[in-house]
Protein backbone atom coordinates (compact mmCIF):
# COMPACT_ATOMS: atom_id res chain seq x y z
CA UNK A 1 -1.07 203.56 67.27
CA UNK A 2 -0.60 202.26 63.63
CA UNK A 3 0.67 203.87 61.17
CA UNK A 4 -2.59 204.20 59.23
CA UNK A 5 -4.86 205.51 62.07
CA UNK A 6 -1.75 208.17 62.53
CA UNK A 7 -2.21 209.48 59.25
CA UNK A 8 -6.18 210.51 60.11
CA UNK A 9 -6.73 213.73 62.01
CA UNK A 10 -10.00 213.86 63.88
CA UNK A 11 -8.31 217.26 65.51
CA UNK A 12 -8.03 218.48 61.91
CA UNK A 13 -11.53 218.27 61.20
CA UNK A 14 -13.00 220.35 64.46
CA UNK A 15 -9.92 223.08 63.91
CA UNK A 16 -11.65 222.92 60.26
CA UNK A 17 -15.15 223.13 61.89
CA UNK A 18 -13.67 226.34 64.05
CA UNK A 19 -12.56 228.13 60.87
CA UNK A 20 -16.47 227.12 59.25
CA UNK A 21 -17.71 228.65 62.48
CA UNK A 22 -16.42 231.76 62.74
CA UNK A 23 -16.20 232.04 58.82
CA UNK A 24 -19.89 232.01 58.76
CA UNK A 25 -21.09 234.14 61.69
CA UNK A 26 -19.20 236.38 59.80
CA UNK A 27 -21.16 235.16 56.27
CA UNK A 28 -24.71 234.55 57.76
CA UNK A 29 -24.95 238.27 60.18
CA UNK A 30 -24.74 239.35 56.38
CA UNK A 31 -26.61 236.89 54.23
CA UNK A 32 -29.88 237.29 56.52
CA UNK A 33 -29.79 240.64 55.99
CA UNK A 34 -28.68 240.92 52.05
CA UNK A 35 -32.25 240.44 50.48
CA UNK A 36 -33.96 243.00 52.00
CA UNK A 37 -31.06 244.96 51.63
CA UNK A 38 -31.26 244.76 48.07
CA UNK A 39 -34.87 244.96 47.80
CA UNK A 40 -35.31 248.05 50.19
CA UNK A 41 -32.90 250.07 50.47
CA UNK A 42 -31.60 249.75 46.82
CA UNK A 43 -34.82 249.09 45.05
CA UNK A 44 -34.01 246.26 42.89
CA UNK A 45 -35.78 243.23 41.89
CA UNK A 46 -37.01 239.46 42.57
CA UNK A 47 -34.65 239.24 39.27
CA UNK A 48 -31.98 241.36 40.76
CA UNK A 49 -31.83 238.86 43.91
CA UNK A 50 -31.71 236.23 41.76
CA UNK A 51 -28.97 237.71 39.55
CA UNK A 52 -26.82 238.05 42.84
CA UNK A 53 -27.24 234.91 44.25
CA UNK A 54 -26.95 232.87 40.84
CA UNK A 55 -23.98 234.92 39.79
CA UNK A 56 -22.54 234.98 43.18
CA UNK A 57 -22.67 231.28 43.56
CA UNK A 58 -22.22 230.22 40.16
CA UNK A 59 -18.51 231.87 39.70
CA UNK A 60 -17.96 230.80 43.11
CA UNK A 61 -18.77 227.37 42.40
CA UNK A 62 -16.81 227.66 38.83
CA UNK A 63 -13.65 228.89 40.56
CA UNK A 64 -13.61 225.41 42.92
CA UNK A 65 -12.94 223.86 39.62
CA UNK A 66 -9.89 225.83 38.98
CA UNK A 67 -8.66 225.34 43.26
CA UNK A 68 -9.23 221.91 43.32
CA UNK A 69 -7.51 220.54 40.32
CA UNK A 70 -4.76 223.48 41.50
CA UNK A 71 -4.77 221.64 44.96
CA UNK A 72 -4.69 218.03 43.06
CA UNK A 73 -1.42 218.88 40.79
CA UNK A 74 0.83 220.91 43.89
CA UNK A 75 -0.39 217.68 46.59
CA UNK A 76 -1.13 220.93 49.11
CA UNK A 77 -4.55 221.62 50.13
CA UNK A 78 -4.05 224.59 52.83
CA UNK A 79 -2.76 227.58 50.91
CA UNK A 80 -5.55 227.67 48.81
CA UNK A 81 -7.77 227.49 51.80
CA UNK A 82 -6.01 230.44 53.42
CA UNK A 83 -6.14 232.70 50.06
CA UNK A 84 -9.75 231.49 49.82
CA UNK A 85 -10.82 233.24 53.37
CA UNK A 86 -8.97 235.54 53.19
CA UNK A 87 -10.45 236.83 50.32
CA UNK A 88 -13.64 236.61 51.21
CA UNK A 89 -13.68 237.99 55.08
CA UNK A 90 -11.99 241.55 52.84
CA UNK A 91 -14.61 241.45 50.56
CA UNK A 92 -17.60 241.50 52.73
CA UNK A 93 -17.61 245.07 54.63
CA UNK A 94 -17.63 246.67 51.32
CA UNK A 95 -21.45 246.26 51.39
CA UNK A 96 -21.29 249.30 53.74
CA UNK A 97 -20.31 251.57 50.70
CA UNK A 98 -22.46 250.09 47.71
CA UNK A 99 -25.09 252.54 46.22
CA UNK A 100 -26.33 250.09 43.62
CA UNK A 101 -27.01 246.76 42.80
CA UNK A 102 -24.12 246.35 40.34
CA UNK A 103 -21.65 246.87 43.23
CA UNK A 104 -23.72 244.23 45.09
CA UNK A 105 -23.20 241.71 42.22
CA UNK A 106 -19.49 242.63 42.38
CA UNK A 107 -19.14 242.25 46.13
CA UNK A 108 -21.08 239.07 45.98
CA UNK A 109 -18.66 237.80 43.32
CA UNK A 110 -15.62 238.41 45.07
CA UNK A 111 -16.47 237.07 48.17
CA UNK A 112 -17.98 233.41 46.53
CA UNK A 113 -14.40 233.45 44.42
CA UNK A 114 -12.82 233.66 47.88
CA UNK A 115 -15.49 231.06 48.78
CA UNK A 116 -14.80 228.53 45.43
CA UNK A 117 -10.71 228.94 45.69
CA UNK A 118 -11.01 227.54 49.56
CA UNK A 119 -13.89 224.63 49.37
CA UNK A 120 -13.25 221.96 46.91
CA UNK A 121 -9.23 222.12 48.39
CA UNK A 122 -10.80 221.92 52.36
CA UNK A 123 -12.78 219.63 51.70
CA UNK A 124 -10.32 217.43 50.34
CA UNK A 125 -8.04 218.24 53.37
CA UNK A 126 -11.24 216.66 55.07
CA UNK A 127 -11.67 213.75 53.31
CA UNK A 128 -7.55 213.62 53.62
CA UNK A 129 -8.52 213.69 57.50
CA UNK A 130 -10.73 211.05 57.70
CA UNK A 131 -11.08 207.09 58.25
CA UNK A 132 -13.08 206.03 55.04
CA UNK A 133 -15.64 204.02 56.92
CA UNK A 134 -16.39 207.41 58.76
CA UNK A 135 -16.21 209.98 56.44
CA UNK A 136 -19.97 211.04 56.52
CA UNK A 137 -19.68 211.60 59.76
CA UNK A 138 -17.08 213.98 59.52
CA UNK A 139 -18.22 215.87 56.74
CA UNK A 140 -21.60 215.94 59.20
CA UNK A 141 -19.05 217.39 62.41
CA UNK A 142 -18.33 219.77 59.97
CA UNK A 143 -21.15 221.03 58.68
CA UNK A 144 -22.80 221.02 61.97
CA UNK A 145 -19.96 223.38 63.48
CA UNK A 146 -20.14 225.24 60.38
CA UNK A 147 -23.64 225.79 60.49
CA UNK A 148 -23.45 226.83 64.56
CA UNK A 149 -21.69 229.87 63.43
CA UNK A 150 -24.48 229.83 60.59
CA UNK A 151 -27.23 230.23 63.82
CA UNK A 152 -25.09 232.99 65.61
CA UNK A 153 -24.60 235.44 62.87
CA UNK A 154 -28.05 236.89 62.27
CA UNK A 155 -28.67 236.95 65.99
CA UNK A 156 -26.17 238.50 66.29
CA UNK A 157 -27.67 241.11 62.74
CA UNK A 158 -30.75 240.93 64.52
CA UNK A 159 -29.10 242.40 67.83
CA UNK A 160 -27.34 245.55 66.08
CA UNK A 161 -29.83 245.84 63.82
CA UNK A 162 -32.01 247.70 67.16
CA UNK A 163 -28.89 249.86 68.07
CA UNK A 164 -27.05 250.24 64.46
CA UNK A 165 -28.22 251.19 60.76
CA UNK A 166 -28.35 247.99 58.40
CA UNK A 167 -24.92 248.77 56.73
CA UNK A 168 -23.17 249.30 59.82
CA UNK A 169 -23.67 245.20 60.65
CA UNK A 170 -21.39 244.42 57.28
CA UNK A 171 -18.21 246.20 59.14
CA UNK A 172 -18.88 244.38 62.46
CA UNK A 173 -18.39 241.25 60.18
CA UNK A 174 -14.54 241.23 59.95
CA UNK A 175 -14.50 240.47 63.67
CA UNK A 176 -15.35 236.69 63.31
CA UNK A 177 -13.67 236.54 59.80
CA UNK A 178 -10.30 237.77 61.45
CA UNK A 179 -10.97 234.83 64.33
CA UNK A 180 -11.11 232.02 61.49
CA UNK A 181 -8.09 233.28 59.99
CA UNK A 182 -5.88 233.04 63.06
CA UNK A 183 -7.53 229.20 63.46
CA UNK A 184 -6.55 227.98 60.25
CA UNK A 185 -2.88 229.51 60.03
CA UNK A 186 -1.47 228.50 63.18
CA UNK A 187 -4.01 225.34 63.64
CA UNK A 188 -5.00 223.76 61.20
CA UNK A 189 -1.85 220.93 59.06
CA UNK A 190 -2.23 218.97 55.99
CA UNK A 191 -0.73 215.81 55.07
CA UNK A 192 1.45 215.67 52.17
CA UNK A 193 -0.41 213.74 49.15
CA UNK A 194 1.32 212.67 46.39
CA UNK A 195 0.23 213.78 43.38
CA UNK A 196 -0.41 212.00 40.30
CA UNK A 197 1.38 212.47 37.24
CA UNK A 198 -0.41 213.31 34.52
CA UNK A 199 -2.44 216.24 32.46
CA UNK A 200 -5.18 218.40 33.64
CA UNK A 201 -7.30 216.59 30.84
CA UNK A 202 -6.43 213.27 32.15
CA UNK A 203 -7.37 213.85 35.54
CA UNK A 204 -10.55 214.88 34.26
CA UNK A 205 -11.21 212.05 32.24
CA UNK A 206 -10.28 209.80 35.31
CA UNK A 207 -13.30 211.52 37.42
CA UNK A 208 -15.73 211.76 34.47
CA UNK A 209 -17.08 208.08 33.96
CA UNK A 210 -19.33 205.58 34.95
CA UNK A 211 -21.50 206.09 37.62
CA UNK A 212 -20.38 209.06 38.95
CA UNK A 213 -20.92 210.82 35.61
CA UNK A 214 -24.33 209.51 35.84
CA UNK A 215 -24.60 210.95 39.61
CA UNK A 216 -23.68 214.26 38.48
CA UNK A 217 -25.99 214.65 35.89
CA UNK A 218 -29.15 213.67 38.30
CA UNK A 219 -27.80 216.24 40.36
CA UNK A 220 -27.82 218.68 38.19
CA UNK A 221 -30.82 218.46 36.90
CA UNK A 222 -32.48 218.25 40.52
CA UNK A 223 -30.32 221.23 41.04
CA UNK A 224 -31.66 223.73 38.63
CA UNK A 225 -34.60 224.15 40.57
CA UNK A 226 -33.24 224.70 44.14
CA UNK A 227 -33.87 228.21 44.61
CA UNK A 228 -31.22 229.66 47.65
CA UNK A 229 -32.71 230.81 50.84
CA UNK A 230 -32.41 233.91 49.86
CA UNK A 231 -36.65 233.34 48.22
CA UNK A 232 -37.56 231.63 51.29
CA UNK A 233 -36.94 234.81 53.56
CA UNK A 234 -38.75 236.63 50.62
CA UNK A 235 -41.32 234.11 50.69
CA UNK A 236 -41.70 234.63 54.47
CA UNK A 237 -42.47 238.15 54.37
CA UNK A 238 -44.53 238.02 51.86
CA UNK A 239 -46.31 235.99 54.46
CA UNK A 240 -46.96 238.97 56.71
CA UNK A 241 -43.91 238.62 58.83
CA UNK A 242 -42.69 241.80 59.66
CA UNK A 243 -38.87 242.53 58.60
CA UNK A 244 -37.23 242.87 61.56
CA UNK A 245 -38.10 239.17 61.87
CA UNK A 246 -37.07 238.37 58.75
CA UNK A 247 -33.01 237.32 59.99
CA UNK A 248 -35.04 234.92 62.59
CA UNK A 249 -36.35 232.56 59.74
CA UNK A 250 -32.72 232.94 58.26
CA UNK A 251 -31.85 231.45 62.31
CA UNK A 252 -34.20 228.76 61.71
CA UNK A 253 -32.85 227.65 58.31
CA UNK A 254 -29.84 227.51 60.13
CA UNK A 255 -30.73 225.53 63.32
CA UNK A 256 -32.64 222.74 61.36
CA UNK A 257 -29.23 222.66 58.84
CA UNK A 258 -27.34 222.36 62.40
CA UNK A 259 -29.31 219.52 64.46
CA UNK A 260 -29.60 217.47 60.65
CA UNK A 261 -25.50 217.48 59.76
CA UNK A 262 -24.28 214.79 62.72
CA UNK A 263 -27.48 212.39 61.90
CA UNK A 264 -27.17 212.67 58.10
CA UNK A 265 -23.52 211.98 58.13
CA UNK A 266 -23.70 208.96 60.28
CA UNK A 267 -26.93 207.70 58.12
CA UNK A 268 -24.92 207.96 55.33
CA UNK A 269 -22.21 205.72 56.45
CA UNK A 270 -25.27 203.10 57.31
CA UNK A 271 -27.68 203.19 54.59
CA UNK A 272 -25.69 204.82 51.94
CA UNK A 273 -25.07 209.04 51.06
CA UNK A 274 -27.28 208.60 48.33
CA UNK A 275 -30.31 207.39 50.21
CA UNK A 276 -30.00 210.10 52.21
CA UNK A 277 -29.96 212.71 48.95
CA UNK A 278 -33.00 210.91 48.40
CA UNK A 279 -34.62 211.89 51.36
CA UNK A 280 -33.40 215.45 51.23
CA UNK A 281 -35.13 215.67 47.68
CA UNK A 282 -38.31 215.13 49.31
CA UNK A 283 -37.81 217.75 52.02
CA UNK A 284 -37.21 220.13 48.68
CA UNK A 285 -40.27 219.15 47.70
CA UNK A 286 -42.46 219.56 50.38
CA UNK A 287 -40.89 223.77 50.70
CA UNK A 288 -41.47 224.13 46.97
CA UNK A 289 -44.91 223.09 47.95
CA UNK A 290 -45.96 224.98 50.86
CA UNK A 291 -44.59 228.41 48.75
CA UNK A 292 -46.60 227.65 45.91
CA UNK A 293 -49.79 227.21 48.11
CA UNK A 294 -49.52 230.32 50.40
CA UNK A 295 -50.56 229.50 53.16
CA UNK A 296 -52.37 232.57 54.93
CA UNK A 297 -49.78 232.02 57.85
CA UNK A 298 -47.65 233.98 59.47
CA UNK A 299 -45.54 231.23 60.76
CA UNK A 300 -45.70 229.19 57.10
CA UNK A 301 -42.80 230.68 56.91
CA UNK A 302 -41.25 229.45 59.59
CA UNK A 303 -42.56 226.05 58.82
CA UNK A 304 -40.69 226.93 55.61
CA UNK A 305 -37.39 227.90 56.78
CA UNK A 306 -37.52 224.86 58.93
CA UNK A 307 -37.70 222.13 56.47
CA UNK A 308 -35.70 224.26 53.49
CA UNK A 309 -32.93 224.16 56.60
CA UNK A 310 -33.45 220.03 56.89
CA UNK A 311 -33.03 219.33 53.11
CA UNK A 312 -30.31 221.67 52.76
CA UNK A 313 -27.80 220.19 55.40
CA UNK A 314 -28.73 216.44 54.45
CA UNK A 315 -28.13 217.67 50.81
CA UNK A 316 -24.20 219.13 51.53
CA UNK A 317 -23.76 216.49 54.04
CA UNK A 318 -24.56 213.37 51.83
CA UNK A 319 -23.15 214.76 48.34
CA UNK A 320 -19.70 215.50 49.17
CA UNK A 321 -19.84 211.89 51.05
CA UNK A 322 -20.88 211.05 47.86
CA UNK A 323 -17.89 212.62 46.16
CA UNK A 324 -15.16 211.09 48.85
CA UNK A 325 -16.03 207.98 48.00
CA UNK A 326 -16.08 207.80 44.08
CA UNK A 327 -12.90 208.87 43.65
CA UNK A 328 -9.17 207.86 44.79
CA UNK A 329 -7.59 211.02 47.22
CA UNK A 330 -5.50 212.10 44.75
CA UNK A 331 -8.26 213.07 42.17
CA UNK A 332 -10.54 214.61 45.34
CA UNK A 333 -9.65 218.53 44.56
CA UNK A 334 -10.24 217.27 40.45
CA UNK A 335 -13.72 215.70 41.56
CA UNK A 336 -14.86 218.60 44.12
CA UNK A 337 -14.28 220.87 41.98
CA UNK A 338 -16.26 219.26 39.15
CA UNK A 339 -18.88 218.62 41.34
CA UNK A 340 -19.25 221.86 42.07
CA UNK A 341 -18.92 223.08 38.99
CA UNK A 342 -21.89 221.03 37.52
CA UNK A 343 -23.91 222.16 40.94
CA UNK A 344 -23.00 226.01 40.26
CA UNK A 345 -23.79 226.10 36.51
CA UNK A 346 -27.29 224.24 37.73
CA UNK A 347 -27.62 227.22 40.41
CA UNK A 348 -27.58 230.09 38.10
CA UNK A 349 -29.78 228.70 36.01
CA UNK A 350 -32.36 227.87 38.90
CA UNK A 351 -32.23 231.22 40.88
CA UNK A 352 -32.39 233.41 37.61
CA UNK A 353 -35.44 231.65 36.05
CA UNK A 354 -36.70 231.38 39.39
CA UNK A 355 -37.04 235.33 39.97
CA UNK A 356 -38.00 235.69 36.63
CA UNK A 357 -40.94 233.52 36.83
CA UNK A 358 -41.88 235.21 40.43
CA UNK A 359 -41.32 239.10 38.67
CA UNK A 360 -42.91 238.37 35.56
CA UNK A 361 -45.87 235.86 37.02
CA UNK A 362 -46.15 235.53 40.33
CA UNK A 363 -44.92 232.83 43.18
CA UNK A 364 -46.90 229.59 42.55
CA UNK A 365 -44.93 229.61 38.74
CA UNK A 366 -41.76 229.95 40.46
CA UNK A 367 -42.45 227.39 43.45
CA UNK A 368 -43.87 225.28 40.48
CA UNK A 369 -41.08 225.24 38.30
CA UNK A 370 -39.38 223.87 41.34
CA UNK A 371 -41.63 221.77 42.05
CA UNK A 372 -41.35 219.53 38.56
CA UNK A 373 -37.53 219.78 38.46
CA UNK A 374 -37.71 218.04 42.09
CA UNK A 375 -40.46 215.17 41.05
CA UNK A 376 -37.94 214.80 37.82
CA UNK A 377 -35.09 214.32 39.73
CA UNK A 378 -36.49 212.39 42.85
CA UNK A 379 -37.39 209.85 40.35
CA UNK A 380 -33.80 209.64 38.15
CA UNK A 381 -31.97 209.06 41.44
CA UNK A 382 -34.07 206.24 42.96
CA UNK A 383 -33.80 204.91 39.24
CA UNK A 384 -29.89 205.48 39.52
CA UNK A 385 -30.06 203.76 43.49
CA UNK A 386 -31.96 200.38 42.26
CA UNK A 387 -29.44 199.86 39.43
CA UNK A 388 -26.27 200.65 41.39
CA UNK A 389 -27.83 197.27 44.08
């Protein structure tokens, strides 16, 4: 085996996949029931749900910027990854003792900070472990394993709800979270990256320029209307689905997400990740249209969930592939951090605006807003791809 081949490790990709598998099992045991917990148990409105999701994700995305920069500066990834996974695992059970929406926001933000700390270094470590021509496939494999856990988590929650109270489910999430930490500590290795001897501002300058900056702006515009999966669950309930079956809608989202992971990664390697991203934006537009027209058909919620899951799986795989290919390996942590910062700001705007429009007007106003931002994003990305040729 050549020296070039030895520096890449698909075993590392698989082990990181198992870490994400058990972590997502833990997380999705909770997040499949959290929207109903906030609205039904705590009596909060949809705008509060938007704040919980928007604040949690945006803070998490902001943290990814810092952790990505730090991992590039020190040339190490694993210690930050371990810290992030540990914080999230310990935070989530506290949902069991919360008594107000403010508590939920605090716990959700803490959990997302943990995710923020780990994500940019983890994505950089994944990219470091994969041959350049197979980065799309590598991210697709990791995403598939990640989402396999996300399928099992809501199913476990669905089964446990027949025997336990909703608050008890939060305590059970500790078990798979602990398994993930063990695998990460014992079976994930990192390759030493020689850091660039330059300032953080120089790193930013090297990343934020040309086509990559334009790409980020387009993604940010599209994402200002990209609502979270929580609103798909709420819409399914309002279309007539019994609340006990709402976690199954989340399972459908994650099954679709899982099935599309590897194919979208391979397709990204073949035709270009930007084109795959364009397809995913079209799927989100269809999802928004289903919500807008409010089909009085219970299974419409499952159809909406399927398309949303396909969109989400393709988007995450394609976007990470683009980031990996636009920058050098010494700047991947910074690049992922900046990318997640752009996404985080958009996510906050999207979910608070979406929740506000739904509460103040109706669901059609909210989904109509997402339709508009989707169309704008699709047009801009199509122009970007044509100019890139």
